Each structure stands twice: as structure tokens, then as C-alpha cells.
Amino acid sequence: IVDKINSSIGQDPNAVNIIGVLDIYGFESFKVN
């Protein structure tokens, strides 16, 4: 999941929205870990 998001950063304008949704659900913990 993290790799998919990282590969989308700077390429997909929706990447920001995806990160925002993950943040809402608290999945940002996976990015940190």
C-alpha cells in the first residue's frame, strides 16, 4: 500500500486526496512505520 502511494506521489493529482483519506482513517501510521 505504501509503495503504491509513494509511486503515485508527483504523478497522480489524486495522490493528495488518497493521503488525506488514509490520514482520516489513521492509516498514516503504516507510512510512519
N, C-alpha and C. Protein backbone atom coordinates (compact mmCIF):
# COMPACT_ATOMS: atom_id res chain seq x y z
N ILE A 1 0.85 -1.20 0.00
CA ILE A 1 0.00 0.00 0.00
C ILE A 1 0.88 1.24 0.00
N VAL A 2 1.85 1.28 0.88
CA VAL A 2 2.73 2.45 0.97
C VAL A 2 3.47 2.66 -0.34
N ASP A 3 3.99 1.57 -0.91
CA ASP A 3 4.72 1.67 -2.18
C ASP A 3 3.82 2.22 -3.27
N LYS A 4 2.57 1.79 -3.29
CA LYS A 4 1.63 2.26 -4.31
C LYS A 4 1.40 3.75 -4.16
N ILE A 5 1.25 4.20 -2.91
CA ILE A 5 1.04 5.63 -2.65
C ILE A 5 2.29 6.41 -3.04
N ASN A 6 3.45 5.91 -2.65
CA ASN A 6 4.70 6.61 -2.95
C ASN A 6 4.90 6.72 -4.45
N SER A 7 4.54 5.68 -5.21
CA SER A 7 4.71 5.71 -6.66
C SER A 7 3.72 6.68 -7.30
N SER A 8 2.63 6.95 -6.59
CA SER A 8 1.61 7.86 -7.12
C SER A 8 1.96 9.32 -6.85
N ILE A 9 2.77 9.56 -5.82
CA ILE A 9 3.11 10.94 -5.46
C ILE A 9 3.87 11.61 -6.61
N GLY A 10 3.41 12.79 -7.00
CA GLY A 10 4.07 13.54 -8.06
C GLY A 10 3.62 13.09 -9.45
N GLN A 11 2.82 12.08 -9.53
CA GLN A 11 2.34 11.59 -10.82
C GLN A 11 0.83 11.71 -10.91
N ASP A 12 0.15 11.34 -9.82
CA ASP A 12 -1.31 11.37 -9.81
C ASP A 12 -1.80 12.52 -8.93
N PRO A 13 -2.52 13.47 -9.53
CA PRO A 13 -3.05 14.61 -8.76
C PRO A 13 -3.93 14.16 -7.62
N ASN A 14 -4.51 12.97 -7.74
CA ASN A 14 -5.39 12.45 -6.70
C ASN A 14 -4.61 11.87 -5.53
N ALA A 15 -3.29 11.79 -5.66
CA ALA A 15 -2.47 11.23 -4.59
C ALA A 15 -2.69 11.99 -3.29
N VAL A 16 -2.86 13.30 -3.40
CA VAL A 16 -3.09 14.11 -2.21
C VAL A 16 -4.38 13.69 -1.54
N ASN A 17 -5.41 13.43 -2.35
CA ASN A 17 -6.69 13.01 -1.80
C ASN A 17 -6.57 11.64 -1.14
N ILE A 18 -5.80 10.76 -1.77
CA ILE A 18 -5.61 9.41 -1.21
C ILE A 18 -4.95 9.51 0.15
N ILE A 19 -3.89 10.32 0.25
CA ILE A 19 -3.19 10.50 1.52
C ILE A 19 -4.14 11.09 2.55
N GLY A 20 -4.98 12.02 2.13
CA GLY A 20 -5.94 12.64 3.04
C GLY A 20 -6.92 11.61 3.59
N VAL A 21 -7.40 10.71 2.72
CA VAL A 21 -8.32 9.67 3.17
C VAL A 21 -7.62 8.73 4.14
N LEU A 22 -6.39 8.35 3.82
CA LEU A 22 -5.64 7.46 4.71
C LEU A 22 -5.45 8.13 6.06
N ASP A 23 -5.19 9.43 6.03
CA ASP A 23 -4.99 10.17 7.28
C ASP A 23 -6.27 10.16 8.11
N ILE A 24 -7.40 10.30 7.44
CA ILE A 24 -8.69 10.31 8.15
C ILE A 24 -8.90 8.98 8.87
N TYR A 25 -8.54 7.89 8.21
CA TYR A 25 -8.76 6.57 8.80
C TYR A 25 -7.60 6.14 9.70
N GLY A 26 -6.57 6.99 9.79
CA GLY A 26 -5.45 6.68 10.68
C GLY A 26 -4.43 5.73 10.06
N PHE A 27 -4.51 5.53 8.75
CA PHE A 27 -3.56 4.63 8.11
C PHE A 27 -2.18 5.26 7.93
N GLU A 28 -2.07 6.55 8.30
CA GLU A 28 -0.77 7.19 8.18
C GLU A 28 0.24 6.50 9.08
N SER A 29 -0.25 5.75 10.06
CA SER A 29 0.64 5.02 10.96
C SER A 29 1.47 4.01 10.17
N PHE A 30 0.87 3.42 9.11
CA PHE A 30 1.60 2.46 8.30
C PHE A 30 2.72 3.15 7.54
N LYS A 31 2.48 4.38 7.09
CA LYS A 31 3.54 5.12 6.39
C LYS A 31 4.68 5.41 7.34
N VAL A 32 4.35 5.77 8.57
CA VAL A 32 5.38 6.10 9.55
C VAL A 32 6.18 4.85 9.90
N ASN A 33 5.48 3.76 10.06
CA ASN A 33 6.16 2.52 10.43
C ASN A 33 6.79 1.86 9.21
